Each structure stands twice: as structure tokens, then as C-alpha cells.
Amino acid sequence: MMRTAALCGGLLLAPAVPAATCVTPGSWLEPGQGETESATLMRRMSRQSVVLLGETHDSAAHHDWQLDTLRALHALRPRLVIGLEMLPRSAQPVLDAWVRGELSEAALFERTDWKRVWGMPPELYAGIFRFARDKAVPLRALNIDRKVVREVSRLGLAGVPAASREGVGTPAGAQPPYRDWLRQIWSDHMPAGKAMPDDAFGRFLDGQLLWDRAMAEALAGAVREQPDALVVGLMGSGHVIHGYGVEHQLRDLGVPDVGSLLPWDADGDCADLVAGVADAVFGIVPPARKAQP
């Protein structure tokens, strides 16, 4: 399913598969069960209300995988909506104009203020945008302005009035494993030896939960507006793993039929590949290597 990008100049060698890889590149695996056929998995995912596709934002291979998965799902369920973590809700009119064919690609990225709000090279996502326009698939901006998340992370949810949260409601509380995982991430980013207020982590957690909730509410809104469509959300894998993030918030919003798929790099830690991390993971094909002179 995956495409390996050609390198300019020099011969291409077959991708090297590390001996310790735990997911065969180019194959799907259901954690805790084993490899599964792509056609069977795609049929199952196409029957969901929402499917979440994780990513590492700066990985071209992950976005190639997302595009291939979108094509497979669209072939089974042409009524599709694609949700994007990358853009805030204020960008929605621009996305609508893009899908209608009213904007150039340059205008799309300029008018969404892509460089400021996301910052990743636009070419990483261009194929997904082109697919949406070519197939007339609606795009939905899932995010809110990052300054709102930063403000909640600084002041806590109680410190930011509901009217200042761009309409986002109160998130469902974090499940204990998610709380523990986020605490570790937070701790790893704290300066060594610096004393922190007792409620500092709680405010950080509030910001992350609001982020999850914002995307979940946008996805749930798309389900309500187009109940016959499959809504696919593209977002960082941290919002997807184990269903702790966006999926947890979707279920709290009354959307129970949620599928989750993750890309799995060849150097991924096999210890993390446990039942429940996602419905299935796809072994990313390592980039082809240039022949040495």
C-alpha cells in the first residue's frame, strides 16, 4: 500500500528491514492478535462513524500512509469527511473554498496562515488536500487557536471562561493511564531541580484535555451534520493511542463507533505494541537508501 519516494541521483536499494522490527513493513497488524488483511480491516473501519489516523507531523511516510488509507476508505464509503488537527476553526471558510476549487494551492496555505498556525512544510500535507478537492471530500478544521490551549495550560480550565474557549465545552476527565502518561511527558520537559507549584501539572492536563475535546466536538459535529458519512480525523498519534485522548472525548459526546489506526515505524519500540494501543497499526516502509559510490 505504501509508496516509497524516489531519490534523485543514484541507484535505489530495497528498504532495509531491521531484524528486530515488530510490524512487517507494508502490512497491517492488530495488536495482541497478529497480522490482518488490509481489505478486511478497511471494510470494518468503513462501518465506523469516526476513524482516527495518527501521525508524526514531520514524517512524509506517515502522510503517504494517511493518504493511502483515505483512498481505501473512500473507495468503500465515498461519503467521507476529513478532519484536520492542523488548522483552527477560523480556517473553515478557506477549506470550503479550496474544496470548491476556488483557490490555488498557494492561496490555500497563505489564507489559512499555515506557517504560523502549524509550521510544518506544506508539501507534507499537499497530497491530502489535493485528494479532498479532486474527490469533493469536505474538510473540517478540528482545532482551536493555540493561544486558548496555552491560556488554559497557564490558568487551568476554571481560570478561562467558557466564552473564551471558542465554544468548546468541559472535557471528560482524564483516564488514569492517560494522566500518568501526560505527567511523564510534562516531567520530562520541566527544568531539572526547579520547584513547581502543586497545581502546575493539573493546569497542563487541563490544556491537553481541552485540545482533545475541541477536536472531538468538531468530529462529533460532522457526524451529526452528515450521519451517512464516514468522518476521518488526522492528528498526532498522542491524541489517538489507547483511545485516551480524542476517542475518550468522542464517547463522552455520544459517538461510540470509533476506529483508530496508527503508523508504526521500523524502529518503533515493540514493548509499546500492546493490545488496545489502536485497532490496528501499519508497518511503515523505511525510505529507500541511496547506493554508496
Protein backbone atom coordinates (compact mmCIF):
# COMPACT_ATOMS: atom_id res chain seq x y z
CA MET A 1 0.00 0.00 0.00
CA MET A 2 2.77 2.42 0.87
CA ARG A 3 4.70 4.28 -1.78
CA THR A 4 8.45 4.80 -1.41
CA ALA A 5 9.52 8.19 -2.71
CA ALA A 6 12.21 8.09 -5.37
CA LEU A 7 15.53 9.70 -4.62
CA CYS A 8 17.13 11.88 -7.28
CA GLY A 9 20.55 10.80 -8.48
CA GLY A 10 21.99 7.39 -7.68
CA LEU A 11 20.58 3.90 -7.52
CA LEU A 12 17.83 2.83 -5.12
CA LEU A 13 18.25 -0.12 -2.82
CA ALA A 14 15.43 -2.16 -1.36
CA PRO A 15 14.40 -0.87 2.08
CA ALA A 16 16.35 -2.47 4.88
CA VAL A 17 14.12 -4.22 7.41
CA PRO A 18 15.72 -4.32 10.87
CA ALA A 19 15.81 -7.78 12.39
CA ALA A 20 14.01 -6.52 15.48
CA THR A 21 11.09 -4.90 13.66
CA CYS A 22 7.80 -5.89 15.24
CA VAL A 23 5.45 -4.90 12.38
CA THR A 24 6.24 -6.11 8.88
CA PRO A 25 6.66 -3.04 6.66
CA GLY A 26 3.72 -2.71 4.31
CA SER A 27 1.43 -4.86 6.48
CA TRP A 28 -1.34 -4.28 8.99
CA LEU A 29 -1.21 -5.75 12.48
CA GLU A 30 -3.91 -5.86 15.14
CA PRO A 31 -2.02 -5.52 18.43
CA GLY A 32 -2.50 -8.59 20.58
CA GLN A 33 -3.88 -10.62 17.68
CA GLY A 34 -1.49 -10.60 14.73
CA GLU A 35 -1.40 -9.55 11.11
CA THR A 36 -4.66 -8.84 9.31
CA GLU A 37 -5.69 -8.39 5.70
CA SER A 38 -6.00 -4.81 4.53
CA ALA A 39 -9.33 -5.42 2.75
CA THR A 40 -10.90 -6.95 5.86
CA LEU A 41 -9.67 -4.15 8.10
CA MET A 42 -10.78 -1.39 5.73
CA ARG A 43 -14.27 -2.87 5.48
CA ARG A 44 -14.51 -2.88 9.27
CA MET A 45 -13.21 0.67 9.57
CA SER A 46 -15.59 1.89 6.86
CA ARG A 47 -18.53 0.89 9.07
CA GLN A 48 -17.49 3.22 11.91
CA SER A 49 -18.81 6.72 12.50
CA VAL A 50 -15.31 8.14 13.06
CA VAL A 51 -11.86 6.78 12.24
CA LEU A 52 -8.77 8.42 13.75
CA LEU A 53 -5.49 8.29 11.82
CA GLY A 54 -2.40 9.13 13.86
CA GLU A 55 0.79 10.70 12.60
CA THR A 56 4.17 12.09 13.47
CA HIS A 57 3.75 15.54 12.00
CA ASP A 58 7.09 15.82 10.20
CA SER A 59 7.07 12.32 8.69
CA ALA A 60 6.36 12.28 4.96
CA ALA A 61 5.92 8.49 5.13
CA HIS A 62 3.14 8.90 7.70
CA HIS A 63 1.27 11.31 5.45
CA ASP A 64 1.69 8.96 2.49
CA TRP A 65 0.14 6.23 4.65
CA GLN A 66 -2.72 8.51 5.66
CA LEU A 67 -3.43 9.34 2.02
CA ASP A 68 -3.41 5.67 1.00
CA THR A 69 -5.76 4.85 3.89
CA LEU A 70 -8.10 7.70 2.94
CA ARG A 71 -8.23 6.39 -0.62
CA ALA A 72 -9.05 2.87 0.59
CA LEU A 73 -11.82 4.13 2.90
CA HIS A 74 -13.23 6.44 0.23
CA ALA A 75 -13.48 3.53 -2.21
CA LEU A 76 -15.69 1.72 0.30
CA ARG A 77 -17.60 4.71 1.61
CA PRO A 78 -17.48 7.64 -0.81
CA ARG A 79 -19.38 9.89 1.60
CA LEU A 80 -16.31 11.00 3.51
CA VAL A 81 -15.33 13.97 5.68
CA ILE A 82 -11.69 14.63 6.58
CA GLY A 83 -10.95 16.40 9.85
CA LEU A 84 -7.62 18.19 10.32
CA GLU A 85 -5.90 18.85 13.63
CA MET A 86 -3.56 21.18 11.77
CA LEU A 87 -5.98 24.09 11.40
CA PRO A 88 -8.19 26.10 13.75
CA ARG A 89 -11.89 26.55 13.18
CA SER A 90 -11.32 30.08 11.88
CA ALA A 91 -9.80 28.47 8.75
CA GLN A 92 -13.04 26.68 7.82
CA PRO A 93 -14.19 29.14 5.12
CA VAL A 94 -10.81 28.76 3.39
CA LEU A 95 -11.06 24.97 3.44
CA ASP A 96 -14.55 25.14 1.97
CA ALA A 97 -13.34 27.42 -0.82
CA TRP A 98 -10.42 25.07 -1.55
CA VAL A 99 -12.67 22.04 -1.91
CA ARG A 100 -14.94 24.02 -4.25
CA GLY A 101 -11.92 24.71 -6.46
CA GLU A 102 -11.89 28.47 -5.86
CA LEU A 103 -8.31 28.77 -4.56
CA SER A 104 -4.83 27.95 -5.76
CA GLU A 105 -2.64 25.79 -3.57
CA ALA A 106 -0.51 28.80 -2.70
CA ALA A 107 -3.62 30.74 -1.66
CA LEU A 108 -4.81 27.83 0.48
CA PHE A 109 -1.67 27.83 2.60
CA GLU A 110 -1.45 31.62 2.66
CA ARG A 111 -5.06 32.24 3.72
CA THR A 112 -5.03 29.53 6.39
CA ASP A 113 -1.88 31.19 7.82
CA TRP A 114 -0.36 27.72 7.67
CA LYS A 115 3.20 28.76 8.50
CA ARG A 116 2.13 30.42 11.74
CA VAL A 117 -0.59 28.06 12.93
CA TRP A 118 1.08 24.76 12.03
CA GLY A 119 4.60 25.37 10.84
CA MET A 120 5.27 22.04 9.16
CA PRO A 121 6.27 22.12 5.47
CA PRO A 122 3.02 22.37 3.49
CA GLU A 123 4.22 19.82 0.93
CA LEU A 124 3.87 17.13 3.61
CA TYR A 125 0.10 17.62 3.54
CA ALA A 126 -0.44 18.81 -0.04
CA GLY A 127 -1.37 15.35 -1.34
CA ILE A 128 -4.17 15.07 1.22
CA PHE A 129 -5.54 18.49 0.30
CA ARG A 130 -5.41 17.62 -3.41
CA PHE A 131 -7.22 14.33 -2.79
CA ALA A 132 -10.00 16.14 -0.93
CA ARG A 133 -10.51 18.64 -3.74
CA ASP A 134 -10.28 16.05 -6.51
CA LYS A 135 -12.93 13.87 -4.83
CA ALA A 136 -15.03 16.77 -3.46
CA VAL A 137 -14.49 15.49 0.08
CA PRO A 138 -15.34 18.10 2.73
CA LEU A 139 -12.51 19.20 5.01
CA ARG A 140 -13.17 20.10 8.62
CA ALA A 141 -10.84 22.24 10.74
CA LEU A 142 -10.71 20.50 14.12
CA ASN A 143 -8.52 22.74 16.22
CA ILE A 144 -8.90 25.97 18.11
CA ASP A 145 -6.43 28.81 18.34
CA ARG A 146 -3.34 27.57 20.18
CA LYS A 147 -3.40 30.63 22.43
CA VAL A 148 -6.61 29.26 24.02
CA VAL A 149 -4.89 25.97 24.86
CA ARG A 150 -1.85 27.85 26.18
CA GLU A 151 -4.09 30.04 28.34
CA VAL A 152 -5.85 27.02 29.84
CA SER A 153 -2.48 25.35 30.42
CA ARG A 154 -1.36 28.51 32.25
CA LEU A 155 -4.50 29.27 34.25
CA GLY A 156 -6.37 25.95 34.34
CA LEU A 157 -9.81 25.33 32.91
CA ALA A 158 -11.50 27.19 35.76
CA GLY A 159 -9.38 30.24 35.02
CA VAL A 160 -10.58 30.64 31.42
CA PRO A 161 -14.27 31.49 30.98
CA ALA A 162 -16.29 29.24 28.71
CA ALA A 163 -16.92 32.22 26.44
CA SER A 164 -13.15 32.43 25.77
CA ARG A 165 -12.80 28.78 24.70
CA GLU A 166 -14.19 29.16 21.15
CA GLY A 167 -17.31 27.25 22.15
CA VAL A 168 -15.52 24.18 23.49
CA GLY A 169 -17.28 22.58 26.44
CA THR A 170 -15.93 20.96 29.58
CA PRO A 171 -13.82 17.89 28.76
CA ALA A 172 -14.44 14.48 30.24
CA GLY A 173 -11.90 13.75 32.96
CA ALA A 174 -8.66 12.02 32.03
CA GLN A 175 -8.43 8.26 32.45
CA PRO A 176 -5.69 7.36 34.99
CA PRO A 177 -3.28 5.86 32.41
CA TYR A 178 -3.57 8.99 30.26
CA ARG A 179 -2.94 11.17 33.28
CA ASP A 180 0.15 9.12 34.14
CA TRP A 181 1.46 9.25 30.57
CA LEU A 182 0.97 13.02 30.32
CA ARG A 183 2.58 13.52 33.74
CA GLN A 184 5.68 11.74 32.48
CA ILE A 185 5.79 13.94 29.37
CA TRP A 186 5.30 17.04 31.49
CA SER A 187 8.01 15.98 33.94
CA ASP A 188 10.46 15.29 31.13
CA HIS A 189 10.06 18.89 29.93
CA MET A 190 10.44 20.55 33.30
CA PRO A 191 13.82 22.14 34.14
CA ALA A 192 15.85 19.84 36.40
CA GLY A 193 15.72 20.84 40.03
CA LYS A 194 13.12 23.58 39.53
CA ALA A 195 10.30 23.52 42.08
CA MET A 196 6.85 23.69 40.51
CA PRO A 197 3.54 24.74 42.09
CA ASP A 198 1.39 21.85 43.26
CA ASP A 199 -1.26 22.57 40.64
CA ALA A 200 1.13 23.09 37.71
CA PHE A 201 0.58 19.65 36.23
CA GLY A 202 -3.18 19.92 36.71
CA ARG A 203 -3.23 23.09 34.61
CA PHE A 204 -1.12 21.44 31.92
CA LEU A 205 -3.52 18.49 31.93
CA ASP A 206 -6.48 20.84 31.54
CA GLY A 207 -4.88 22.28 28.41
CA GLN A 208 -4.35 18.85 26.87
CA LEU A 209 -7.90 17.75 27.67
CA LEU A 210 -9.31 20.92 26.11
CA TRP A 211 -7.28 20.20 22.96
CA ASP A 212 -8.69 16.67 22.78
CA ARG A 213 -12.20 17.94 23.47
CA ALA A 214 -12.04 20.61 20.78
CA MET A 215 -11.17 18.05 18.12
CA ALA A 216 -13.73 15.57 19.41
CA GLU A 217 -16.50 18.17 19.35
CA ALA A 218 -15.67 19.13 15.77
CA LEU A 219 -15.66 15.47 14.71
CA ALA A 220 -18.92 14.79 16.54
CA GLY A 221 -20.44 17.85 14.88
CA ALA A 222 -19.51 16.47 11.47
CA VAL A 223 -21.16 13.14 12.37
CA ARG A 224 -24.36 14.93 13.37
CA GLU A 225 -24.40 17.05 10.23
CA GLN A 226 -23.69 14.15 7.87
CA PRO A 227 -24.77 10.95 9.61
CA ASP A 228 -24.35 8.94 6.42
CA ALA A 229 -20.68 9.96 6.06
CA LEU A 230 -17.53 8.43 7.47
CA VAL A 231 -15.61 11.11 9.38
CA VAL A 232 -11.83 10.59 9.39
CA GLY A 233 -9.69 12.65 11.74
CA LEU A 234 -5.99 13.24 11.06
CA MET A 235 -3.99 14.10 14.17
CA GLY A 236 -0.86 13.45 16.17
CA SER A 237 -0.62 9.87 17.39
CA GLY A 238 -0.55 11.04 21.00
CA HIS A 239 -4.21 12.04 20.66
CA VAL A 240 -5.06 8.54 19.39
CA ILE A 241 -3.10 5.90 21.33
CA HIS A 242 -5.14 3.64 23.61
CA GLY A 243 -8.23 5.75 23.00
CA TYR A 244 -7.21 8.01 25.90
CA GLY A 245 -7.47 11.32 24.07
CA VAL A 246 -9.93 12.18 21.32
CA GLU A 247 -11.69 8.81 21.33
CA HIS A 248 -12.43 9.13 25.06
CA GLN A 249 -13.95 12.56 24.46
CA LEU A 250 -15.97 11.30 21.48
CA ARG A 251 -17.51 8.55 23.56
CA ASP A 252 -18.39 11.12 26.21
CA LEU A 253 -20.14 13.07 23.44
CA GLY A 254 -22.22 10.04 22.46
CA VAL A 255 -20.17 8.81 19.48
CA PRO A 256 -19.42 5.15 20.29
CA ASP A 257 -18.37 3.80 16.89
CA VAL A 258 -14.77 4.98 16.71
CA GLY A 259 -11.88 3.25 14.94
CA SER A 260 -8.21 4.03 15.48
CA LEU A 261 -5.27 3.35 13.17
CA LEU A 262 -1.61 4.19 13.72
CA PRO A 263 1.53 4.21 11.58
CA TRP A 264 4.32 2.09 13.04
CA ASP A 265 7.92 2.88 12.15
CA ALA A 266 10.50 0.12 11.77
CA ASP A 267 12.39 1.37 14.83
CA GLY A 268 9.25 1.54 17.00
CA ASP A 269 9.54 0.07 20.49
CA CYS A 270 7.92 -3.38 20.37
CA ALA A 271 7.13 -3.07 24.08
CA ASP A 272 4.60 -0.34 23.17
CA LEU A 273 2.78 -2.59 20.73
CA VAL A 274 0.20 -3.94 23.16
CA ALA A 275 -3.47 -4.80 22.80
CA GLY A 276 -5.59 -1.66 22.85
CA VAL A 277 -2.96 0.78 21.60
CA ALA A 278 -5.08 1.05 18.41
CA ASP A 279 -7.42 -1.13 16.39
CA ALA A 280 -4.54 -1.73 14.01
CA VAL A 281 -1.10 -0.41 13.14
CA PHE A 282 0.57 -0.25 9.74
CA GLY A 283 4.24 -1.07 9.27
CA ILE A 284 5.76 1.98 7.61
CA VAL A 285 8.09 1.14 4.75
CA PRO A 286 11.53 2.63 5.52
CA PRO A 287 12.77 5.15 2.95
CA ALA A 288 14.84 3.63 0.18
CA ARG A 289 18.58 4.10 0.59
CA LYS A 290 20.94 5.54 -1.95
CA ALA A 291 23.66 3.23 -3.17
CA GLN A 292 27.09 4.15 -1.89
CA PRO A 293 29.59 5.14 -4.62
